[in-house]
């Protein structure tokens, strides 16, 4: 079963000066399951890398990603319906599009593990396919 990658995890993994870098690196090195990158995460991580450590960091990330074994997952039309339901249901918590998209994809693909530093959103949301997500680290 694949493990979903979230933006903040990828950022900490890519930015060696991030305070969580060593922690996420250790987790990344122990994951044996296939890694799944939802396409909505890509613009978010690229923006963060370009705006913080810089354009070079974003280019390095893309170069490494292009030769990695990470699998890609696009959105399907029904995912948009579920994303909108989640955004409405958790509007008071300001759930964002990318996190709602990850939940919709996780439900469709039956993924229960997420690599993220965003514990708030992924512990708040109740997915349809499991009682809770396993969040690493």
Protein backbone atom coordinates (compact mmCIF):
# COMPACT_ATOMS: atom_id res chain seq x y z
CA UNK A 1 0.00 0.00 0.00
CA UNK A 2 1.53 3.37 -0.95
CA UNK A 3 2.24 6.20 1.48
CA UNK A 4 1.10 9.74 0.61
CA UNK A 5 3.58 12.61 0.63
CA UNK A 6 2.49 16.00 1.96
CA UNK A 7 4.01 19.39 1.20
CA UNK A 8 5.51 20.18 4.60
CA UNK A 9 7.25 16.80 4.80
CA UNK A 10 8.78 17.32 1.35
CA UNK A 11 9.86 20.84 2.25
CA UNK A 12 11.66 19.68 5.41
CA UNK A 13 13.23 16.84 3.46
CA UNK A 14 14.48 19.21 0.74
CA UNK A 15 15.67 22.07 2.94
CA UNK A 16 18.65 20.90 4.99
CA UNK A 17 18.35 24.00 7.21
CA UNK A 18 14.77 23.16 8.21
CA UNK A 19 14.53 22.24 11.91
CA UNK A 20 12.67 19.02 11.00
CA UNK A 21 15.11 17.94 8.27
CA UNK A 22 16.89 15.19 10.22
CA UNK A 23 13.63 13.82 11.59
CA UNK A 24 11.94 13.53 8.18
CA UNK A 25 15.13 12.24 6.56
CA UNK A 26 15.26 9.41 9.12
CA UNK A 27 11.63 8.52 8.41
CA UNK A 28 12.09 8.75 4.63
CA UNK A 29 15.00 6.33 4.82
CA UNK A 30 12.89 3.72 6.61
CA UNK A 31 9.81 3.72 4.36
CA UNK A 32 9.69 0.54 2.31
CA UNK A 33 6.29 1.15 0.72
CA UNK A 34 5.89 3.03 -2.56
CA UNK A 35 5.65 6.80 -2.18
CA UNK A 36 2.68 8.56 -3.76
CA UNK A 37 2.78 12.23 -4.70
CA UNK A 38 -0.57 13.85 -5.38
CA UNK A 39 -0.23 16.32 -8.24
CA UNK A 40 -1.82 19.19 -6.20
CA UNK A 41 1.19 19.01 -3.84
CA UNK A 42 3.66 19.84 -6.63
CA UNK A 43 2.87 23.57 -7.15
CA UNK A 44 2.68 24.09 -3.39
CA UNK A 45 6.10 22.55 -2.68
CA UNK A 46 7.68 24.31 -5.66
CA UNK A 47 6.35 27.67 -4.48
CA UNK A 48 7.64 27.13 -0.94
CA UNK A 49 11.07 25.99 -2.09
CA UNK A 50 11.45 28.84 -4.60
CA UNK A 51 10.33 31.47 -2.09
CA UNK A 52 12.34 30.28 0.92
CA UNK A 53 15.59 28.43 0.21
CA UNK A 54 15.45 29.71 -3.38
CA UNK A 55 14.95 28.87 -7.01
CA UNK A 56 17.96 26.55 -7.02
CA UNK A 57 16.41 24.45 -4.25
CA UNK A 58 13.23 24.12 -6.28
CA UNK A 59 15.18 23.05 -9.38
CA UNK A 60 17.17 20.48 -7.35
CA UNK A 61 13.93 19.10 -5.92
CA UNK A 62 12.42 18.73 -9.41
CA UNK A 63 15.59 17.12 -10.77
CA UNK A 64 15.65 14.58 -7.92
CA UNK A 65 11.93 13.93 -8.26
CA UNK A 66 12.24 13.30 -12.00
CA UNK A 67 14.62 10.36 -11.42
CA UNK A 68 12.95 9.01 -8.26
CA UNK A 69 10.59 6.08 -7.89
CA UNK A 70 7.84 8.33 -6.54
CA UNK A 71 4.47 7.52 -8.09
CA UNK A 72 2.13 10.27 -9.29
CA UNK A 73 -1.56 10.54 -8.56
CA UNK A 74 -3.77 12.96 -10.43
CA UNK A 75 -7.20 14.15 -9.43
CA UNK A 76 -10.29 12.56 -10.88
CA UNK A 77 -13.62 14.30 -11.37
CA UNK A 78 -15.17 12.51 -8.37
CA UNK A 79 -12.25 13.68 -6.24
CA UNK A 80 -13.38 17.27 -6.84
CA UNK A 81 -16.81 16.43 -5.47
CA UNK A 82 -15.24 14.94 -2.34
CA UNK A 83 -12.77 17.83 -2.00
CA UNK A 84 -15.64 20.30 -2.05
CA UNK A 85 -17.51 18.24 0.57
CA UNK A 86 -14.43 18.26 2.81
CA UNK A 87 -13.83 21.98 2.32
CA UNK A 88 -17.44 22.67 3.28
CA UNK A 89 -17.45 20.26 6.21
CA UNK A 90 -14.20 21.67 7.65
CA UNK A 91 -14.66 25.32 6.62
CA UNK A 92 -14.42 26.49 10.24
CA UNK A 93 -10.98 24.87 10.46
CA UNK A 94 -9.84 26.46 7.16
CA UNK A 95 -8.91 23.13 5.62
CA UNK A 96 -7.01 23.94 2.44
CA UNK A 97 -7.45 22.53 -1.05
CA UNK A 98 -4.26 20.48 -1.07
CA UNK A 99 -5.00 18.71 2.22
CA UNK A 100 -8.59 18.02 1.12
CA UNK A 101 -7.21 16.63 -2.16
CA UNK A 102 -4.87 14.32 -0.24
CA UNK A 103 -7.78 13.02 1.83
CA UNK A 104 -9.90 12.43 -1.29
CA UNK A 105 -7.05 10.57 -2.99
CA UNK A 106 -6.33 8.58 0.16
CA UNK A 107 -9.97 7.52 0.32
CA UNK A 108 -10.06 6.52 -3.35
CA UNK A 109 -6.74 4.64 -3.19
CA UNK A 110 -7.34 3.24 0.34
CA UNK A 111 -4.15 4.88 1.64
CA UNK A 112 -3.92 5.15 5.41
CA UNK A 113 -0.37 6.49 5.93
CA UNK A 114 0.66 10.09 5.28
CA UNK A 115 4.13 11.58 5.56
CA UNK A 116 3.43 15.05 6.93
CA UNK A 117 4.29 17.53 9.62
CA UNK A 118 0.72 18.86 9.41
CA UNK A 119 -0.82 16.84 12.19
CA UNK A 120 -3.68 19.27 12.83
CA UNK A 121 -5.51 18.82 9.52
CA UNK A 122 -4.91 15.11 9.15
CA UNK A 123 -6.02 14.30 12.70
CA UNK A 124 -9.04 16.59 12.39
CA UNK A 125 -10.45 15.13 9.16
CA UNK A 126 -12.38 11.89 9.42
CA UNK A 127 -11.79 9.93 6.25
CA UNK A 128 -14.42 7.53 4.96
CA UNK A 129 -12.11 4.55 4.57
CA UNK A 130 -10.40 4.40 7.97
CA UNK A 131 -10.87 5.54 11.56
CA UNK A 132 -7.74 7.69 11.42
CA UNK A 133 -4.63 8.30 9.35
CA UNK A 134 -1.27 7.01 10.46
CA UNK A 135 0.85 10.15 10.40
CA UNK A 136 4.61 9.97 10.14
CA UNK A 137 6.84 11.27 11.61
